[in-house]
Amino acid sequence: MAENITFPKSPFPDGLISISPWEFCSFEPLTYIYFNIAFIVIAYPLYRIIGGFFNWELDVKTPSVHFSDMMALVRYGFIVFVLGGYSRTFNWIMILSFYIALFGYALLAELPFAKQSFLTVRNWPIKMWILFITAICAILAMTGFHIYFAILLMNKNEFREKDDVFIAWYLGCLAIAPILMIFAWIANQEQNTRFLTKFFLKLLRIFKRKPATQPPSSQTENQNTEAQIPITADPDQPDQPQPYNKVSIIHLHHWQIFYTLAFFTRFEHPVSQIAGGITLGIYTQGIGAYGPDSYLEER
């Protein structure tokens, strides 16, 4: 028996629509248009206007940078819309929570003790630590709820084989972000220390053949030969790889954290829809205020 899937009314062909609670990829063109209008076309300029009026912390941007940042929101938004199941969960609850989070986080970030970053974590005041720990507890609570809801939804479905695949992939995707962070750490270390290049050169030295030795000769011949042969570098100490011109640092931004969390708020439940709006709102605030800064920064 196949699942009964009700598609929303849309002027687009049904072939463009793929919506199911058991699919990791879902798309509906009309909902996607509404998604972009609500979360990018309106939200980005509105945030910049209100933030500028109240003198919030905003990076100065040229028109070309504004355009690039909005296109970044479109690119990132398409990925999370398709893989995050927003074809099903996008509604007025999510829109309302989105704008509350967008401006609520901005007001919170304007508090004097909250003007911090992960680069200055050792110098955080007590109030900042309280705020940070509270946010971590809220994120863990929402994570636990979504895992529980995924298991609960799994048990309600009759297709056990498909259920098991869904929950395995849902939980397995939680490991994607740590894996990417490990690769980023490797790239950071390679740029700053060239440890991979040094290891590769060390392997080459191991397999490199030593030059054949010549038979001994008289002392006079040796002296003449030494005068003719130029001094070369010690083969055991080859030239070290040159360092890069710029140093890399790891800087985790709040937009990256909440953008990652937005992929897991995929259930048609008010709590999940509120969580989806909050994660998308804070992620949009980060790009709207500062731009899509990279996890690895060069200095």
Protein backbone atom coordinates (compact mmCIF):
# COMPACT_ATOMS: atom_id res chain seq x y z
CA MET A 1 0.00 0.00 0.00
CA ALA A 2 1.52 3.31 -1.05
CA GLU A 3 1.55 6.43 1.07
CA ASN A 4 -1.16 8.99 0.45
CA ILE A 5 0.64 12.25 -0.24
CA THR A 6 -1.40 15.42 -0.63
CA PHE A 7 0.36 18.00 -2.75
CA PRO A 8 -0.37 21.68 -2.18
CA LYS A 9 -2.24 23.58 -4.85
CA SER A 10 0.34 24.91 -7.26
CA PRO A 11 0.37 26.20 -10.84
CA PHE A 12 3.52 24.17 -11.45
CA PRO A 13 3.48 20.62 -12.87
CA ASP A 14 3.25 17.81 -10.35
CA GLY A 15 6.50 16.43 -11.71
CA LEU A 16 8.34 19.30 -10.01
CA ILE A 17 6.85 18.42 -6.63
CA SER A 18 8.37 15.90 -4.26
CA ILE A 19 7.03 16.00 -0.72
CA SER A 20 7.13 13.18 1.80
CA PRO A 21 8.05 12.98 5.50
CA TRP A 22 10.31 10.05 4.58
CA GLU A 23 12.28 11.80 1.85
CA PHE A 24 15.41 13.77 2.59
CA CYS A 25 14.95 15.79 -0.58
CA SER A 26 11.69 17.66 -1.10
CA PHE A 27 10.79 20.52 -3.39
CA GLU A 28 7.69 22.48 -4.33
CA PRO A 29 8.25 25.53 -6.57
CA LEU A 30 5.49 27.80 -5.24
CA THR A 31 6.46 27.20 -1.62
CA TYR A 32 10.08 27.85 -2.55
CA ILE A 33 9.13 31.22 -4.03
CA TYR A 34 7.26 32.15 -0.84
CA PHE A 35 10.26 30.94 1.17
CA ASN A 36 12.61 33.31 -0.68
CA ILE A 37 10.22 36.25 -0.50
CA ALA A 38 9.67 35.90 3.24
CA PHE A 39 13.21 35.03 4.30
CA ILE A 40 15.39 36.92 1.80
CA VAL A 41 13.62 39.49 -0.38
CA ILE A 42 11.83 41.08 2.59
CA ALA A 43 14.03 40.05 5.51
CA TYR A 44 17.46 41.17 4.27
CA PRO A 45 16.69 44.81 3.34
CA LEU A 46 14.30 45.17 6.28
CA TYR A 47 17.01 44.08 8.70
CA ARG A 48 19.57 46.44 7.17
CA ILE A 49 17.14 49.38 7.31
CA ILE A 50 16.05 48.79 10.91
CA GLY A 51 19.59 47.95 12.02
CA GLY A 52 20.93 51.13 10.46
CA PHE A 53 18.16 53.22 12.03
CA PHE A 54 18.97 51.94 15.53
CA ASN A 55 22.75 51.96 14.95
CA TRP A 56 23.15 48.22 15.40
CA GLU A 57 26.49 46.62 14.64
CA LEU A 58 26.55 46.22 10.86
CA ASP A 59 29.40 45.82 8.41
CA VAL A 60 29.57 48.58 5.83
CA LYS A 61 28.59 47.07 2.49
CA THR A 62 28.66 48.37 -1.05
CA PRO A 63 25.78 47.59 -3.44
CA SER A 64 27.82 44.79 -5.01
CA VAL A 65 28.44 43.24 -1.59
CA HIS A 66 24.73 43.48 -0.76
CA PHE A 67 23.94 41.68 -4.00
CA SER A 68 26.57 39.01 -3.32
CA ASP A 69 25.29 38.42 0.21
CA MET A 70 21.70 38.10 -0.97
CA MET A 71 22.81 35.63 -3.63
CA ALA A 72 24.62 33.71 -0.90
CA LEU A 73 21.35 33.56 1.03
CA VAL A 74 19.63 32.25 -2.10
CA ARG A 75 22.29 29.56 -2.61
CA TYR A 76 22.35 28.44 0.99
CA GLY A 77 18.58 28.76 1.21
CA PHE A 78 17.99 26.47 -1.75
CA ILE A 79 20.16 23.76 -0.20
CA VAL A 80 18.45 23.90 3.17
CA PHE A 81 15.00 24.19 1.58
CA VAL A 82 15.50 21.00 -0.43
CA LEU A 83 17.39 18.94 2.13
CA GLY A 84 15.64 20.34 5.20
CA GLY A 85 12.10 19.44 4.15
CA TYR A 86 10.79 23.02 4.14
CA SER A 87 8.35 22.23 1.34
CA ARG A 88 6.20 20.64 4.04
CA THR A 89 7.01 22.67 7.14
CA PHE A 90 6.99 26.24 5.80
CA ASN A 91 3.98 28.10 7.27
CA TRP A 92 3.01 31.21 9.23
CA ILE A 93 4.36 29.77 12.50
CA MET A 94 7.81 29.51 10.96
CA ILE A 95 7.59 33.00 9.45
CA LEU A 96 6.58 34.54 12.78
CA SER A 97 9.33 32.77 14.72
CA PHE A 98 11.81 33.71 11.98
CA TYR A 99 11.28 37.45 12.39
CA ILE A 100 11.20 37.23 16.18
CA ALA A 101 14.55 35.42 16.09
CA LEU A 102 15.98 37.75 13.43
CA PHE A 103 15.43 40.91 15.45
CA GLY A 104 15.53 39.28 18.89
CA TYR A 105 19.02 37.93 18.31
CA ALA A 106 20.11 41.33 16.98
CA LEU A 107 18.88 43.03 20.16
CA LEU A 108 20.61 40.38 22.26
CA ALA A 109 23.86 40.86 20.35
CA GLU A 110 23.75 44.60 21.08
CA LEU A 111 24.08 44.02 24.83
CA PRO A 112 27.54 45.20 25.94
CA PHE A 113 28.58 41.87 27.47
CA ALA A 114 27.37 39.95 24.39
CA LYS A 115 29.69 41.70 21.93
CA GLN A 116 32.04 38.73 21.86
CA SER A 117 33.23 36.06 19.47
CA PHE A 118 34.70 32.58 19.78
CA LEU A 119 38.15 34.06 19.20
CA THR A 120 37.91 35.90 22.54
CA VAL A 121 36.39 33.02 24.50
CA ARG A 122 39.08 33.18 27.19
CA ASN A 123 38.12 36.75 28.00
CA TRP A 124 34.36 36.31 28.13
CA PRO A 125 32.61 37.93 31.11
CA ILE A 126 30.41 35.89 33.42
CA LYS A 127 27.19 37.18 31.84
CA MET A 128 28.37 36.03 28.43
CA TRP A 129 29.10 32.57 29.78
CA ILE A 130 25.63 32.40 31.32
CA LEU A 131 24.10 33.41 28.00
CA PHE A 132 26.23 30.89 26.11
CA ILE A 133 25.43 28.00 28.45
CA THR A 134 21.72 28.85 28.29
CA ALA A 135 21.86 28.78 24.49
CA ILE A 136 23.68 25.42 24.54
CA CYS A 137 21.03 23.95 26.85
CA ALA A 138 18.25 25.21 24.57
CA ILE A 139 19.96 23.71 21.52
CA LEU A 140 20.45 20.37 23.28
CA ALA A 141 16.81 20.37 24.38
CA MET A 142 15.64 21.00 20.81
CA THR A 143 18.03 18.32 19.54
CA GLY A 144 16.64 15.80 21.99
CA PHE A 145 13.08 16.69 21.03
CA HIS A 146 13.75 16.22 17.31
CA ILE A 147 15.47 12.89 17.84
CA TYR A 148 12.55 11.75 19.99
CA PHE A 149 10.05 13.00 17.43
CA ALA A 150 11.91 11.22 14.63
CA ILE A 151 11.68 7.95 16.56
CA LEU A 152 8.03 8.58 17.41
CA LEU A 153 7.19 9.31 13.79
CA MET A 154 9.07 6.20 12.78
CA ASN A 155 6.98 4.01 15.06
CA LYS A 156 3.72 5.37 13.66
CA ASN A 157 4.50 4.33 10.12
CA GLU A 158 3.76 0.81 8.92
CA PHE A 159 6.75 0.60 6.61
CA ARG A 160 9.37 -0.56 9.09
CA GLU A 161 12.09 -1.01 6.49
CA LYS A 162 11.73 2.59 5.34
CA ASP A 163 11.49 3.80 8.93
CA ASP A 164 14.80 2.26 9.89
CA VAL A 165 16.51 3.84 6.90
CA PHE A 166 15.07 7.24 7.78
CA ILE A 167 16.14 7.27 11.41
CA ALA A 168 19.59 5.95 10.53
CA TRP A 169 20.15 8.69 7.98
CA TYR A 170 18.63 11.36 10.22
CA LEU A 171 20.95 10.54 13.10
CA GLY A 172 23.89 9.85 10.80
CA CYS A 173 23.68 13.31 9.28
CA LEU A 174 24.52 14.77 12.68
CA ALA A 175 28.09 13.60 12.04
CA ILE A 176 28.49 15.64 8.83
CA ALA A 177 29.35 18.90 10.59
CA PRO A 178 32.06 17.38 12.86
CA ILE A 179 33.60 15.60 9.85
CA LEU A 180 33.77 18.87 7.91
CA MET A 181 35.32 20.57 10.94
CA ILE A 182 38.02 17.89 11.07
CA PHE A 183 38.89 18.46 7.40
CA ALA A 184 38.94 22.21 8.05
CA TRP A 185 41.34 21.66 10.97
CA ILE A 186 43.62 19.62 8.70
CA ALA A 187 43.61 22.40 6.09
CA ASN A 188 44.30 24.96 8.81
CA GLN A 189 47.27 22.98 10.17
CA GLU A 190 48.68 22.39 6.71
CA GLN A 191 48.60 26.09 5.90
CA ASN A 192 50.21 27.09 9.19
CA THR A 193 52.71 24.26 9.71
CA ARG A 194 52.91 22.43 6.33
CA PHE A 195 52.76 19.17 8.27
CA LEU A 196 51.30 17.20 5.36
CA THR A 197 53.95 18.47 2.96
CA LYS A 198 56.71 17.68 5.46
CA PHE A 199 55.31 14.18 5.95
CA PHE A 200 55.19 13.64 2.19
CA LEU A 201 58.80 14.79 1.78
CA LYS A 202 59.82 12.51 4.62
CA LEU A 203 58.27 9.56 2.81
CA LEU A 204 60.16 10.52 -0.34
CA ARG A 205 63.45 10.53 1.57
CA ILE A 206 62.75 7.04 2.86
CA PHE A 207 62.34 5.63 -0.64
CA LYS A 208 65.02 7.77 -2.22
CA ARG A 209 68.11 5.87 -3.33
CA LYS A 210 71.46 6.87 -1.91
CA PRO A 211 74.17 7.75 -4.49
CA ALA A 212 76.79 5.08 -5.16
CA THR A 213 80.11 5.61 -3.34
CA GLN A 214 83.37 5.84 -5.29
CA PRO A 215 86.41 3.69 -4.42
CA PRO A 216 89.07 5.34 -2.22
CA SER A 217 91.95 7.11 -3.96
CA SER A 218 95.16 8.77 -2.96
CA GLN A 219 95.22 11.78 -0.67
CA THR A 220 96.32 14.08 -3.50
CA GLU A 221 93.49 13.02 -5.74
CA ASN A 222 91.03 13.51 -2.89
CA GLN A 223 92.27 17.03 -2.30
CA ASN A 224 91.93 17.90 -5.98
CA THR A 225 88.47 16.36 -6.11
CA GLU A 226 87.33 18.27 -3.03
CA ALA A 227 88.45 21.49 -4.65
CA GLN A 228 86.36 20.77 -7.75
CA ILE A 229 83.17 19.39 -6.20
CA PRO A 230 80.79 22.12 -4.97
CA ILE A 231 79.37 21.88 -1.49
CA THR A 232 75.82 20.51 -1.52
CA ALA A 233 73.12 20.35 1.09
CA ASP A 234 72.96 17.44 3.45
CA PRO A 235 70.70 14.79 1.89
CA ASP A 236 69.34 14.02 5.33
CA GLN A 237 68.19 17.66 5.69
CA PRO A 238 66.41 18.53 2.44
CA ASP A 239 64.93 21.92 1.76
CA GLN A 240 61.95 22.54 3.99
CA PRO A 241 58.68 23.65 2.36
CA GLN A 242 58.21 27.38 2.35
CA PRO A 243 55.43 28.73 4.58
CA TYR A 244 52.39 30.36 3.05
CA ASN A 245 52.16 34.13 2.97
CA LYS A 246 49.03 34.18 5.13
CA VAL A 247 48.20 32.47 8.40
CA SER A 248 44.92 30.58 8.72
CA ILE A 249 42.71 30.73 11.81
CA ILE A 250 39.53 28.84 12.68
CA HIS A 251 36.62 31.18 13.38
CA LEU A 252 33.25 29.57 13.99
CA HIS A 253 30.43 32.02 13.21
CA HIS A 254 26.92 31.88 14.61
CA TRP A 255 25.37 31.83 11.15
CA GLN A 256 27.19 28.56 10.43
CA ILE A 257 25.95 26.94 13.64
CA PHE A 258 22.29 27.78 13.10
CA TYR A 259 22.40 27.10 9.37
CA THR A 260 23.57 23.57 10.18
CA LEU A 261 20.80 23.12 12.75
CA ALA A 262 18.20 24.29 10.21
CA PHE A 263 18.61 21.02 8.29
CA PHE A 264 17.15 18.98 11.16
CA THR A 265 13.93 20.91 11.88
CA ARG A 266 12.02 18.96 9.26
CA PHE A 267 8.87 17.81 11.05
CA GLU A 268 5.30 19.10 10.74
CA HIS A 269 5.02 19.89 14.42
CA PRO A 270 4.68 23.41 15.88
CA VAL A 271 7.81 23.01 18.01
CA SER A 272 9.83 21.89 15.00
CA GLN A 273 8.43 24.71 12.87
CA ILE A 274 9.29 27.26 15.56
CA ALA A 275 12.80 25.81 15.80
CA GLY A 276 13.11 26.04 12.02
CA GLY A 277 12.14 29.70 12.05
CA ILE A 278 14.58 30.46 14.87
CA THR A 279 17.53 28.75 13.19
CA LEU A 280 16.83 30.40 9.84
CA GLY A 281 16.33 33.78 11.50
CA ILE A 282 19.65 33.75 13.36
CA TYR A 283 21.49 32.44 10.32
CA THR A 284 19.99 35.23 8.20
CA GLN A 285 20.93 37.81 10.83
CA GLY A 286 24.56 36.72 10.65
CA ILE A 287 24.79 37.06 6.89
CA GLY A 288 22.68 40.20 6.82
CA ALA A 289 24.83 41.97 9.40
CA TYR A 290 28.31 40.72 8.53
CA GLY A 291 28.16 38.55 5.41
CA PRO A 292 28.84 34.84 4.90
CA ASP A 293 32.24 34.86 6.60
CA SER A 294 34.29 31.71 6.17
CA TYR A 295 35.03 29.11 8.84
CA LEU A 296 38.72 29.41 7.91
CA GLU A 297 40.00 32.97 7.77
CA GLU A 298 43.36 34.18 6.48
CA ARG A 299 45.41 36.92 8.10
